[in-house]
């Protein structure tokens, strides 16, 4: 969840002219019907009623897609969708609109509810969670949930000038405790450790990735992700290029790819990097465009210690959300596309659940 909504708009503007040459590509899933082949019979599965244009928010701990539909009388309904089965389970109904959701490995859910300007409402769903919403006075918020201890939750509250205050929330009681001397985006990382990027406000050279003791993990970091054992980072180089590296964070960085240097790369904020299974991470790379006025497309890619593997598929959004448990990622303008990090294929799950082929 961290920085995604605040950076998505900036990403779309900055990266419009970005391009990169393919390296290892995985062919997209074939589409259409072969000449002379019979058309498949119409699928008669019942269509789950999740609305025409559901708000897609990510995955639950079991890899089901979390989607929200609004109610005519206000409020919303959260569903867990299994496209391959044509099934959708209602999880919860809320009196306010759900705008964000995150699933914990324990199966618990954290929902952000739209309460209007001035405060954020966080609601926990699951055994032994706080009975009342956690309410934070803020213009906007970010959070990080401890994967090893569901009771611990960092919440960053931003005011209208983007000054911030960091709290440690107890997800079992709903209490908030201020955290001193924290950066705006602390992230939990394995065995209760904490990492964050400290920056000087210069978007061109990134920031310094440090652990909770202040030990430097990497410099000039534009984007990073960790699965608790490995880190994947996008690093700003002095010549304006962007390097992608993977390693344990102990100086053993393995370069896997470099985006070319040039004025058009200055200040580039890469798309998010997400854990996509043990020892691997998924991201989106800008594809080549011949004219600056063209709308950029994006190429899903998987980073591991074996290098970087690019899908031959193209998507129209720089935003991606992944399920490390299932190695699937959501992308596309409405998160309607499902990228398989195992084989590089992309299908339209919204069409799939309606009985279409999804291709």
Protein backbone atom coordinates (compact mmCIF):
# COMPACT_ATOMS: atom_id res chain seq x y z
CA UNK A 1 0.00 0.00 0.00
CA UNK A 2 2.87 2.29 0.72
CA UNK A 3 3.16 5.25 -1.69
CA UNK A 4 1.11 3.49 -4.35
CA UNK A 5 -1.77 5.91 -4.61
CA UNK A 6 0.39 8.99 -4.11
CA UNK A 7 2.89 7.94 -6.81
CA UNK A 8 0.62 6.36 -9.42
CA UNK A 9 -0.36 9.67 -10.98
CA UNK A 10 3.24 10.93 -11.03
CA UNK A 11 4.45 7.66 -12.55
CA UNK A 12 2.00 7.86 -15.41
CA UNK A 13 3.22 11.38 -16.32
CA UNK A 14 6.96 10.93 -15.86
CA UNK A 15 7.25 7.58 -17.65
CA UNK A 16 5.19 8.34 -20.76
CA UNK A 17 8.31 8.54 -22.93
CA UNK A 18 10.21 5.71 -21.27
CA UNK A 19 11.50 2.71 -23.23
CA UNK A 20 13.58 -0.41 -22.82
CA UNK A 21 14.82 -3.21 -25.01
CA UNK A 22 13.47 -6.69 -24.30
CA UNK A 23 15.85 -9.28 -22.96
CA UNK A 24 14.29 -12.63 -22.10
CA UNK A 25 10.63 -12.70 -23.06
CA UNK A 26 7.85 -15.15 -22.26
CA UNK A 27 5.26 -15.51 -25.05
CA UNK A 28 1.79 -14.24 -24.19
CA UNK A 29 -1.08 -16.65 -23.92
CA UNK A 30 -2.51 -17.28 -27.36
CA UNK A 31 -5.85 -15.69 -28.16
CA UNK A 32 -8.64 -16.20 -30.65
CA UNK A 33 -9.88 -19.32 -32.39
CA UNK A 34 -7.84 -21.25 -34.95
CA UNK A 35 -9.12 -21.22 -38.53
CA UNK A 36 -11.53 -24.07 -39.09
CA UNK A 37 -11.94 -24.80 -35.42
CA UNK A 38 -15.38 -24.91 -33.88
CA UNK A 39 -16.43 -22.04 -31.64
CA UNK A 40 -16.65 -23.10 -27.97
CA UNK A 41 -20.07 -23.56 -26.51
CA UNK A 42 -21.44 -20.64 -24.53
CA UNK A 43 -20.48 -20.82 -20.88
CA UNK A 44 -23.57 -21.06 -18.69
CA UNK A 45 -21.91 -20.50 -15.32
CA UNK A 46 -23.72 -18.22 -12.91
CA UNK A 47 -22.03 -14.82 -12.83
CA UNK A 48 -21.17 -13.66 -9.30
CA UNK A 49 -22.87 -10.33 -8.62
CA UNK A 50 -19.86 -8.15 -7.83
CA UNK A 51 -21.11 -5.17 -9.84
CA UNK A 52 -20.27 -3.90 -13.31
CA UNK A 53 -17.11 -2.00 -12.37
CA UNK A 54 -15.86 -3.28 -9.02
CA UNK A 55 -13.00 -1.55 -7.22
CA UNK A 56 -10.19 -4.12 -7.13
CA UNK A 57 -7.93 -3.85 -4.09
CA UNK A 58 -5.59 -6.85 -4.09
CA UNK A 59 -5.58 -10.41 -2.76
CA UNK A 60 -6.53 -12.18 0.44
CA UNK A 61 -4.17 -14.59 2.20
CA UNK A 62 -5.46 -17.47 0.08
CA UNK A 63 -4.83 -15.69 -3.22
CA UNK A 64 -8.44 -14.73 -3.90
CA UNK A 65 -9.02 -11.32 -5.49
CA UNK A 66 -10.51 -8.68 -3.19
CA UNK A 67 -13.10 -6.54 -4.99
CA UNK A 68 -15.54 -3.93 -3.71
CA UNK A 69 -18.92 -2.91 -5.10
CA UNK A 70 -20.89 0.10 -3.89
CA UNK A 71 -24.42 -0.10 -2.52
CA UNK A 72 -27.24 2.08 -3.85
CA UNK A 73 -28.01 3.21 -0.32
CA UNK A 74 -24.36 3.99 0.42
CA UNK A 75 -21.62 1.84 1.85
CA UNK A 76 -20.00 -1.09 0.11
CA UNK A 77 -19.61 -4.86 -0.07
CA UNK A 78 -16.24 -6.62 -0.07
CA UNK A 79 -15.98 -9.86 -2.06
CA UNK A 80 -13.27 -12.51 -2.39
CA UNK A 81 -13.30 -13.65 -6.02
CA UNK A 82 -12.00 -16.87 -7.60
CA UNK A 83 -12.15 -16.25 -11.37
CA UNK A 84 -11.17 -19.79 -12.38
CA UNK A 85 -14.15 -21.14 -10.41
CA UNK A 86 -16.55 -18.34 -11.34
CA UNK A 87 -17.15 -17.80 -7.63
CA UNK A 88 -17.33 -14.81 -5.30
CA UNK A 89 -17.78 -14.90 -1.53
CA UNK A 90 -19.18 -11.91 0.35
CA UNK A 91 -16.74 -11.01 3.15
CA UNK A 92 -18.25 -7.94 4.79
CA UNK A 93 -20.68 -5.06 4.28
CA UNK A 94 -19.74 -1.59 5.48
CA UNK A 95 -21.67 1.62 6.02
CA UNK A 96 -18.80 3.64 4.46
CA UNK A 97 -17.09 2.99 1.13
CA UNK A 98 -14.03 0.73 1.28
CA UNK A 99 -11.17 2.41 -0.60
CA UNK A 100 -8.20 0.18 0.31
CA UNK A 101 -7.70 -3.30 1.70
CA UNK A 102 -4.77 -5.42 2.79
CA UNK A 103 -4.66 -9.05 3.82
CA UNK A 104 -2.33 -10.38 6.51
CA UNK A 105 -0.72 -13.85 6.24
CA UNK A 106 -2.82 -14.80 9.28
CA UNK A 107 -5.97 -14.28 7.19
CA UNK A 108 -7.03 -11.05 8.89
CA UNK A 109 -8.00 -8.01 6.81
CA UNK A 110 -7.35 -4.29 7.16
CA UNK A 111 -9.83 -1.98 5.43
CA UNK A 112 -9.59 1.75 4.85
CA UNK A 113 -13.01 3.43 4.83
CA UNK A 114 -13.86 6.74 3.18
CA UNK A 115 -14.82 9.03 6.07
CA UNK A 116 -14.31 12.29 4.17
CA UNK A 117 -11.71 15.00 4.72
CA UNK A 118 -9.74 15.26 7.92
CA UNK A 119 -9.57 11.69 9.20
CA UNK A 120 -8.96 8.12 8.12
CA UNK A 121 -10.89 5.11 9.40
CA UNK A 122 -9.10 1.75 9.52
CA UNK A 123 -11.23 -1.32 10.23
CA UNK A 124 -9.81 -4.73 11.12
CA UNK A 125 -11.62 -7.95 10.21
CA UNK A 126 -10.78 -11.28 11.84
CA UNK A 127 -10.35 -13.08 15.16
CA UNK A 128 -9.33 -10.97 18.17
CA UNK A 129 -8.98 -7.75 16.15
CA UNK A 130 -9.97 -4.32 17.50
CA UNK A 131 -13.73 -3.96 17.89
CA UNK A 132 -13.73 -0.26 16.97
CA UNK A 133 -12.24 1.49 13.94
CA UNK A 134 -8.78 2.98 14.32
CA UNK A 135 -9.35 6.68 13.57
CA UNK A 136 -6.39 8.84 12.52
CA UNK A 137 -6.63 12.58 11.96
CA UNK A 138 -4.98 13.13 8.59
CA UNK A 139 -5.18 14.39 5.03
CA UNK A 140 -3.85 11.04 3.80
CA UNK A 141 -2.21 7.97 5.32
CA UNK A 142 0.18 5.12 4.59
CA UNK A 143 0.74 1.94 6.58
CA UNK A 144 2.87 -1.17 6.94
CA UNK A 145 1.61 -4.36 8.62
CA UNK A 146 4.05 -6.64 10.42
CA UNK A 147 3.88 -9.99 8.55
CA UNK A 148 5.11 -11.90 11.62
CA UNK A 149 2.88 -10.22 14.23
CA UNK A 150 -0.56 -9.09 13.07
CA UNK A 151 -1.03 -6.89 16.15
CA UNK A 152 1.69 -4.44 15.01
CA UNK A 153 0.87 -1.83 12.40
CA UNK A 154 2.78 1.30 11.42
CA UNK A 155 0.46 4.14 10.37
CA UNK A 156 1.78 7.39 8.88
CA UNK A 157 -0.57 10.39 8.98
CA UNK A 158 0.08 13.22 6.50
CA UNK A 159 -1.40 16.69 6.79
CA UNK A 160 -2.35 18.90 3.83
CA UNK A 161 1.27 20.14 3.58
CA UNK A 162 2.61 16.54 3.63
CA UNK A 163 4.15 16.95 7.05
CA UNK A 164 3.75 13.63 8.80
CA UNK A 165 3.55 11.76 12.09
CA UNK A 166 4.17 8.02 12.48
CA UNK A 167 2.21 5.84 14.91
CA UNK A 168 2.51 2.23 16.03
CA UNK A 169 -1.01 0.85 16.16
CA UNK A 170 -2.10 -2.22 18.11
CA UNK A 171 -4.47 -4.08 15.79
CA UNK A 172 -5.93 -6.04 18.71
CA UNK A 173 -6.90 -3.01 20.80
CA UNK A 174 -6.89 -0.12 18.33
CA UNK A 175 -4.47 1.96 20.41
CA UNK A 176 -2.04 4.40 18.76
CA UNK A 177 1.44 5.20 20.06
CA UNK A 178 3.59 7.96 18.45
CA UNK A 179 6.94 6.81 17.01
CA UNK A 180 9.82 9.25 17.38
CA UNK A 181 12.44 9.98 14.69
CA UNK A 182 10.84 7.75 12.05
CA UNK A 183 10.86 8.35 8.31
CA UNK A 184 7.50 8.62 6.54
CA UNK A 185 7.44 5.04 5.22
CA UNK A 186 8.81 2.50 7.73
CA UNK A 187 8.42 -1.07 6.46
CA UNK A 188 8.42 -4.29 8.47
CA UNK A 189 10.99 -6.78 7.22
CA UNK A 190 11.34 -10.27 8.66
CA UNK A 191 11.57 -11.20 12.36
CA UNK A 192 10.19 -7.83 13.43
CA UNK A 193 12.94 -5.80 11.74
CA UNK A 194 12.22 -2.41 10.21
CA UNK A 195 13.63 -0.78 7.07
CA UNK A 196 12.95 2.56 5.42
CA UNK A 197 14.21 4.93 2.76
CA UNK A 198 15.59 8.23 4.01
CA UNK A 199 15.72 10.93 1.32
CA UNK A 200 16.60 14.59 0.95
CA UNK A 201 13.65 15.42 -1.29
CA UNK A 202 15.65 15.05 -4.52
CA UNK A 203 13.68 12.62 -6.68
CA UNK A 204 16.54 12.23 -9.17
CA UNK A 205 18.99 10.43 -6.89
CA UNK A 206 16.59 8.49 -4.67
CA UNK A 207 17.24 7.91 -0.98
CA UNK A 208 19.25 5.81 1.44
CA UNK A 209 17.79 2.43 2.42
CA UNK A 210 18.51 1.77 6.11
CA UNK A 211 17.47 -0.76 8.73
CA UNK A 212 16.01 0.02 12.15
CA UNK A 213 19.49 0.57 13.60
CA UNK A 214 20.41 3.09 10.92
CA UNK A 215 22.74 0.69 9.09
CA UNK A 216 22.92 1.55 5.38
CA UNK A 217 21.64 -1.23 3.11
CA UNK A 218 21.85 0.64 -0.22
CA UNK A 219 22.26 4.18 -1.58
CA UNK A 220 20.34 6.09 -4.27
CA UNK A 221 17.29 3.84 -3.96
CA UNK A 222 14.25 4.87 -6.00
CA UNK A 223 12.12 1.81 -5.22
CA UNK A 224 12.58 -1.37 -3.20
CA UNK A 225 10.88 -4.50 -1.95
CA UNK A 226 11.81 -7.37 0.35
CA UNK A 227 10.47 -10.81 1.12
CA UNK A 228 12.30 -10.89 4.46
CA UNK A 229 15.37 -12.63 3.02
CA UNK A 230 16.17 -10.87 -0.25
CA UNK A 231 15.87 -7.28 -1.42
CA UNK A 232 15.10 -6.05 -4.93
CA UNK A 233 15.90 -2.41 -5.59
CA UNK A 234 15.78 0.15 -8.40
CA UNK A 235 18.84 2.37 -8.06
CA UNK A 236 19.60 5.78 -9.60
CA UNK A 237 23.02 5.84 -11.29
CA UNK A 238 25.16 8.96 -11.72
CA UNK A 239 24.72 8.92 -15.51
CA UNK A 240 20.92 9.07 -15.21
CA UNK A 241 20.30 5.37 -15.83
CA UNK A 242 18.25 3.12 -13.56
CA UNK A 243 19.75 -0.13 -12.31
CA UNK A 244 17.76 -3.09 -10.97
CA UNK A 245 19.60 -5.21 -8.41
CA UNK A 246 18.84 -8.12 -6.09
CA UNK A 247 20.68 -9.28 -2.98
CA UNK A 248 20.55 -10.01 0.74
CA UNK A 249 21.24 -6.37 1.63
CA UNK A 250 24.74 -7.17 2.90
CA UNK A 251 26.69 -5.75 -0.02
CA UNK A 252 26.17 -8.75 -2.32
CA UNK A 253 24.14 -6.89 -4.95
CA UNK A 254 23.60 -8.70 -8.24
CA UNK A 255 22.77 -6.38 -11.18
CA UNK A 256 19.95 -7.81 -13.29
CA UNK A 257 19.09 -4.94 -15.65
CA UNK A 258 19.83 -1.29 -16.46
CA UNK A 259 17.44 1.16 -18.10
CA UNK A 260 19.33 3.50 -20.45
CA UNK A 261 20.69 6.88 -19.45
CA UNK A 262 19.57 10.16 -20.96
CA UNK A 263 17.67 13.26 -20.03
CA UNK A 264 14.32 11.49 -20.30
CA UNK A 265 15.32 9.20 -17.41
CA UNK A 266 16.25 11.98 -15.00
CA UNK A 267 13.90 11.99 -12.03
CA UNK A 268 12.34 8.68 -13.10
CA UNK A 269 10.35 6.94 -10.40
CA UNK A 270 10.14 3.24 -11.33
CA UNK A 271 6.95 1.27 -10.96
CA UNK A 272 6.58 -0.55 -7.66
CA UNK A 273 8.47 -3.77 -7.02
CA UNK A 274 6.40 -6.49 -5.33
CA UNK A 275 7.24 -9.90 -3.81
CA UNK A 276 5.90 -12.56 -6.18
CA UNK A 277 6.91 -15.84 -4.60
CA UNK A 278 10.00 -17.14 -2.76
CA UNK A 279 13.12 -15.37 -3.99
CA UNK A 280 11.48 -13.39 -6.76
CA UNK A 281 9.85 -10.04 -7.35
CA UNK A 282 7.56 -8.59 -10.00
CA UNK A 283 7.54 -5.11 -11.51
CA UNK A 284 6.44 -3.23 -14.62
CA UNK A 285 8.88 -1.78 -17.14
CA UNK A 286 8.09 1.01 -19.64
CA UNK A 287 8.08 -0.22 -23.23
CA UNK A 288 9.57 1.62 -26.18
CA UNK A 289 7.52 4.33 -27.87
CA UNK A 290 8.41 6.12 -31.09
CA UNK A 291 6.60 9.38 -30.30
CA UNK A 292 6.30 11.23 -27.02
CA UNK A 293 2.57 11.78 -27.54
CA UNK A 294 1.91 8.06 -27.57
CA UNK A 295 0.41 6.49 -24.47
CA UNK A 296 3.09 4.33 -22.86
CA UNK A 297 2.50 0.65 -22.28
CA UNK A 298 4.07 -1.46 -19.60
CA UNK A 299 5.78 -4.82 -19.64
CA UNK A 300 5.47 -7.19 -16.66
CA UNK A 301 8.82 -8.60 -15.52
CA UNK A 302 10.09 -10.96 -12.83
CA UNK A 303 13.36 -10.30 -10.97
CA UNK A 304 15.31 -13.12 -9.28
CA UNK A 305 18.91 -14.15 -8.66
CA UNK A 306 18.77 -15.75 -12.12
CA UNK A 307 18.26 -12.33 -13.72
CA UNK A 308 15.20 -10.60 -15.12
CA UNK A 309 12.53 -12.35 -17.19
CA UNK A 310 10.18 -10.15 -19.20
CA UNK A 311 6.72 -11.12 -20.35
CA UNK A 312 5.82 -10.47 -23.98
CA UNK A 313 2.47 -9.14 -22.77
CA UNK A 314 1.76 -5.40 -22.53
CA UNK A 315 -0.51 -3.58 -20.08
CA UNK A 316 -1.74 0.01 -19.86
CA UNK A 317 -1.00 0.86 -16.22
CA UNK A 318 2.18 1.33 -14.14
CA UNK A 319 0.47 -0.06 -11.01
CA UNK A 320 0.77 -3.69 -9.88
CA UNK A 321 -0.33 -5.61 -6.77
CA UNK A 322 0.96 -9.13 -6.18
CA UNK A 323 0.17 -12.18 -4.08
CA UNK A 324 3.41 -13.76 -2.89
CA UNK A 325 1.46 -16.88 -1.91
CA UNK A 326 0.16 -17.58 -5.42
CA UNK A 327 2.68 -15.75 -7.67
CA UNK A 328 -0.16 -13.84 -9.38
CA UNK A 329 -0.26 -10.05 -9.80
CA UNK A 330 -3.08 -7.64 -10.63
CA UNK A 331 -2.48 -4.83 -13.11
CA UNK A 332 -4.29 -2.80 -15.79
CA UNK A 333 -6.28 0.42 -15.54
CA UNK A 334 -8.95 -1.29 -13.42
CA UNK A 335 -6.74 -4.13 -12.09
CA UNK A 336 -8.66 -6.30 -14.51
CA UNK A 337 -5.57 -8.17 -15.70
CA UNK A 338 -3.97 -11.11 -13.91
CA UNK A 339 -0.24 -11.62 -14.54
CA UNK A 340 1.17 -15.08 -13.83
CA UNK A 341 4.73 -14.67 -12.57
CA UNK A 342 5.39 -18.37 -13.21
CA UNK A 343 4.81 -18.40 -16.97
CA UNK A 344 4.50 -14.71 -17.94
CA UNK A 345 0.94 -14.93 -19.25
CA UNK A 346 -1.72 -12.27 -18.72
CA UNK A 347 -5.50 -12.85 -18.72
CA UNK A 348 -8.47 -10.57 -18.16
CA UNK A 349 -10.03 -12.08 -15.05
CA UNK A 350 -13.12 -9.85 -15.20
CA UNK A 351 -13.97 -11.31 -18.60
CA UNK A 352 -13.00 -14.74 -17.35
CA UNK A 353 -15.47 -14.64 -14.49
CA UNK A 354 -18.23 -13.65 -16.91
CA UNK A 355 -17.59 -16.81 -18.88
CA UNK A 356 -15.31 -15.29 -21.51
CA UNK A 357 -11.98 -16.88 -22.40
CA UNK A 358 -10.16 -14.03 -20.68
CA UNK A 359 -7.80 -13.55 -23.61
